[in-house]
C-alpha atoms as a PDB file:
ATOM      1  CA  LEU A   1      24.116  15.562-113.722  1.00  0.00           C
ATOM      2  CA  PRO A   2      27.016  16.875-115.744  1.00  0.00           C
ATOM      3  CA  LYS A   3      29.613  14.470-116.769  1.00  0.00           C
ATOM      4  CA  GLY A   4      31.930  12.908-114.440  1.00  0.00           C
ATOM      5  CA  GLU A   5      30.162  13.447-111.644  1.00  0.00           C
ATOM      6  CA  GLY A   6      29.707   9.874-110.650  1.00  0.00           C
ATOM      7  CA  ASP A   7      27.130   7.589-110.258  1.00  0.00           C
ATOM      8  CA  LEU A   8      24.080   8.841-107.498  1.00  0.00           C
ATOM      9  CA  ASP A   9      24.645   6.400-105.039  1.00  0.00           C
ATOM     10  CA  GLY A  10      27.592   4.721-106.079  1.00  0.00           C
ATOM     11  CA  GLY A  11      26.512   1.724-106.848  1.00  0.00           C
ATOM     12  CA  GLY A  12      25.740   1.897-110.587  1.00  0.00           C
ATOM     13  CA  THR A  13      23.122   2.788-112.257  1.00  0.00           C
ATOM     14  CA  GLY A  14      22.501  -0.240-114.224  1.00  0.00           C
ATOM     15  CA  GLY A  15      22.719   1.499-117.865  1.00  0.00           C
ATOM     16  CA  TRP A  16      20.264   4.347-116.630  1.00  0.00           C
ATOM     17  CA  SER A  17      21.557   7.789-116.726  1.00  0.00           C
ATOM     18  CA  GLU A  18      22.153   9.291-113.459  1.00  0.00           C
ATOM     19  CA  GLN A  19      19.017  12.085-114.302  1.00  0.00           C
ATOM     20  CA  SER A  20      16.586   9.517-115.657  1.00  0.00           C
ATOM     21  CA  LEU A  21      17.932   7.636-112.371  1.00  0.00           C
ATOM     22  CA  PHE A  22      17.273  10.516-109.954  1.00  0.00           C
ATOM     23  CA  LYS A  23      13.893  11.377-111.700  1.00  0.00           C
ATOM     24  CA  ALA A  24      12.816   7.935-111.297  1.00  0.00           C
ATOM     25  CA  ARG A  25      13.617   7.114-107.743  1.00  0.00           C
ATOM     26  CA  LEU A  26      12.335  11.210-107.157  1.00  0.00           C
ATOM     27  CA  ALA A  27       9.341   9.996-109.011  1.00  0.00           C
ATOM     28  CA  ALA A  28       8.197   6.853-106.514  1.00  0.00           C
ATOM     29  CA  VAL A  29       9.299   9.184-103.985  1.00  0.00           C
ATOM     30  CA  LEU A  30       7.087  11.480-104.688  1.00  0.00           C
ATOM     31  CA  LEU A  31       3.646   8.980-105.627  1.00  0.00           C
ATOM     32  CA  GLU A  32       3.714   7.231-102.080  1.00  0.00           C
ATOM     33  CA  TYR A  33       2.064  11.130-100.780  1.00  0.00           C
ATOM     34  CA  HIS A  34      -0.253  10.756-103.558  1.00  0.00           C
ATOM     35  CA  ASP A  35      -2.442  14.107-104.233  1.00  0.00           C
ATOM     36  CA  GLY A  36      -1.257  15.232-101.089  1.00  0.00           C
ATOM     37  CA  GLY A  37       2.557  15.443-101.976  1.00  0.00           C
ATOM     38  CA  ILE A  38       4.924  15.965 -99.511  1.00  0.00           C
ATOM     39  CA  PRO A  39       6.336  18.678 -98.046  1.00  0.00           C
ATOM     40  CA  LEU A  40       9.811  19.557 -99.632  1.00  0.00           C
ATOM     41  CA  ALA A  41      11.471  19.891 -96.214  1.00  0.00           C
ATOM     42  CA  ASN A  42      10.840  16.265 -95.887  1.00  0.00           C
ATOM     43  CA  LEU A  43      11.973  15.251 -98.953  1.00  0.00           C
ATOM     44  CA  SER A  44      15.657  13.993 -98.521  1.00  0.00           C
ATOM     45  CA  LYS A  45      14.282  12.116 -94.937  1.00  0.00           C
ATOM     46  CA  LYS A  46      11.702  10.198 -96.924  1.00  0.00           C
ATOM     47  CA  TYR A  47      14.175  10.132-100.240  1.00  0.00           C
ATOM     48  CA  ARG A  48      17.356   8.212 -98.091  1.00  0.00           C
ATOM     49  CA  GLN A  49      14.418   5.496 -96.061  1.00  0.00           C
ATOM     50  CA  VAL A  50      13.480   4.531 -99.863  1.00  0.00           C
ATOM     51  CA  TRP A  51      16.107   4.511-101.270  1.00  0.00           C
ATOM     52  CA  GLY A  52      19.042   3.737 -98.356  1.00  0.00           C
ATOM     53  CA  VAL A  53      20.794   6.669-100.553  1.00  0.00           C
ATOM     54  CA  ASP A  54      21.097  10.448-100.169  1.00  0.00           C
ATOM     55  CA  LEU A  55      18.809  12.574-102.086  1.00  0.00           C
ATOM     56  CA  PRO A  56      21.792  14.613-104.296  1.00  0.00           C
ATOM     57  CA  PRO A  57      22.643  17.717-103.114  1.00  0.00           C
ATOM     58  CA  ALA A  58      21.767  20.280-105.597  1.00  0.00           C
ATOM     59  CA  GLN A  59      25.343  21.268-106.577  1.00  0.00           C
ATOM     60  CA  ALA A  60      25.535  17.475-108.383  1.00  0.00           C
ATOM     61  CA  PHE A  61      22.854  19.364-110.672  1.00  0.00           C
ATOM     62  CA  ARG A  62      25.196  22.339-110.913  1.00  0.00           C
ATOM     63  CA  ARG A  63      22.197  24.472-109.208  1.00  0.00           C
ATOM     64  CA  ARG A  64      23.113  26.125-105.276  1.00  0.00           C
ATOM     65  CA  LYS A  65      19.531  24.609-103.900  1.00  0.00           C
ATOM     66  CA  MET A  66      17.447  21.771-104.845  1.00  0.00           C
ATOM     67  CA  ILE A  67      13.909  24.450-105.030  1.00  0.00           C
ATOM     68  CA  GLN A  68      15.705  25.118-108.607  1.00  0.00           C
ATOM     69  CA  VAL A  69      16.683  21.774-109.487  1.00  0.00           C
ATOM     70  CA  LEU A  70      12.984  20.577-108.970  1.00  0.00           C
ATOM     71  CA  ARG A  71      11.407  23.388-111.173  1.00  0.00           C
ATOM     72  CA  ASN A  72      13.138  22.428-113.407  1.00  0.00           C
ATOM     73  CA  MET A  73      12.384  18.837-114.132  1.00  0.00           C
ATOM     74  CA  PRO A  74       8.188  20.034-114.780  1.00  0.00           C
ATOM     75  CA  ASP A  75       8.069  16.513-116.336  1.00  0.00           C
ATOM     76  CA  VAL A  76       8.612  14.566-113.198  1.00  0.00           C
ATOM     77  CA  VAL A  77       7.457  17.357-110.051  1.00  0.00           C
ATOM     78  CA  LYS A  78       4.788  19.843-109.716  1.00  0.00           C
ATOM     79  CA  VAL A  79       6.320  22.286-106.891  1.00  0.00           C
ATOM     80  CA  VAL A  80       3.288  24.502-105.512  1.00  0.00           C
ATOM     81  CA  GLN A  81       3.488  27.207-102.926  1.00  0.00           C
ATOM     82  CA  THR A  82       0.406  27.179-100.182  1.00  0.00           C
ATOM     83  CA  HIS A  83      -1.160  29.371 -98.626  1.00  0.00           C
ATOM     84  CA  ALA A  84       0.997  29.054 -95.524  1.00  0.00           C
ATOM     85  CA  ASN A  85       3.901  29.429 -98.080  1.00  0.00           C
ATOM     86  CA  HIS A  86       4.806  25.524 -97.507  1.00  0.00           C
ATOM     87  CA  THR A  87       6.194  24.090-100.603  1.00  0.00           C
ATOM     88  CA  MET A  88       4.640  20.690-101.287  1.00  0.00           C
ATOM     89  CA  LEU A  89       5.920  18.410-104.011  1.00  0.00           C
ATOM     90  CA  HIS A  90       3.408  16.557-106.223  1.00  0.00           C
ATOM     91  CA  CYS A  91       4.818  13.605-108.885  1.00  0.00           C
ATOM     92  CA  VAL A  92       3.038  14.783-112.193  1.00  0.00           C
ATOM     93  CA  LYS A  93       3.568  10.585-113.119  1.00  0.00           C
ATOM     94  CA  THR A  94       1.091   7.840-112.484  1.00  0.00           C
ATOM     95  CA  ARG A  95       2.563   3.868-111.378  1.00  0.00           C
ATOM     96  CA  GLU A  96       1.962   3.480-115.095  1.00  0.00           C
ATOM     97  CA  ASP A  97       4.003   5.855-116.647  1.00  0.00           C
ATOM     98  CA  LEU A  98       6.866   4.775-113.897  1.00  0.00           C
ATOM     99  CA  LYS A  99       6.534   1.008-115.347  1.00  0.00           C
ATOM    100  CA  LEU A 100       5.725   1.763-118.732  1.00  0.00           C
ATOM    101  CA  ALA A 101       9.183   3.454-119.085  1.00  0.00           C
ATOM    102  CA  ILE A 102      11.261   1.783-116.825  1.00  0.00           C
ATOM    103  CA  GLU A 103      10.574  -1.445-119.366  1.00  0.00           C
ATOM    104  CA  ASP A 104      11.398   0.861-122.248  1.00  0.00           C
ATOM    105  CA  ASP A 105      14.260   1.504-120.795  1.00  0.00           C
ATOM    106  CA  MET A 106      14.727  -2.884-120.011  1.00  0.00           C
ATOM    107  CA  ARG A 107      13.673  -3.130-123.950  1.00  0.00           C
ATOM    108  CA  ALA A 108      16.397  -0.829-125.517  1.00  0.00           C
ATOM    109  CA  ARG A 109      19.224  -2.275-123.398  1.00  0.00           C
ATOM    110  CA  ASN A 110      17.748  -5.830-124.755  1.00  0.00           C
ATOM    111  CA  ALA A 111      17.896  -4.142-128.373  1.00  0.00           C
ATOM    112  CA  GLU A 112      21.647  -2.786-127.947  1.00  0.00           C
ATOM    113  CA  SER A 113      22.494  -5.972-126.302  1.00  0.00           C
ATOM    114  CA  ASP A 114      21.643  -8.265-129.130  1.00  0.00           C
END
């Protein structure tokens, strides 16, 4: 997110950058769908159900459409067009990847405070 856009949910990020927090939240939502993926059309609703906040608008990432945002995050999401022309989203991370990222972030924050 561009500097000055504020926190994704207005509630603070706990030391994470807004983009890192968004990526972690996005990965957690996508992981709920395992190998089947989630239709892009359902992402906003599911994100709100899981996190209690709206999916940030594409404009917060300086893009016109969310699909453009997602295609620029290949480290988190794989965007797949089906034969029926539906856009499906798959997480490229595992639950273990997320756990390690959170632990690394916590260690880094603890080291900064020492």
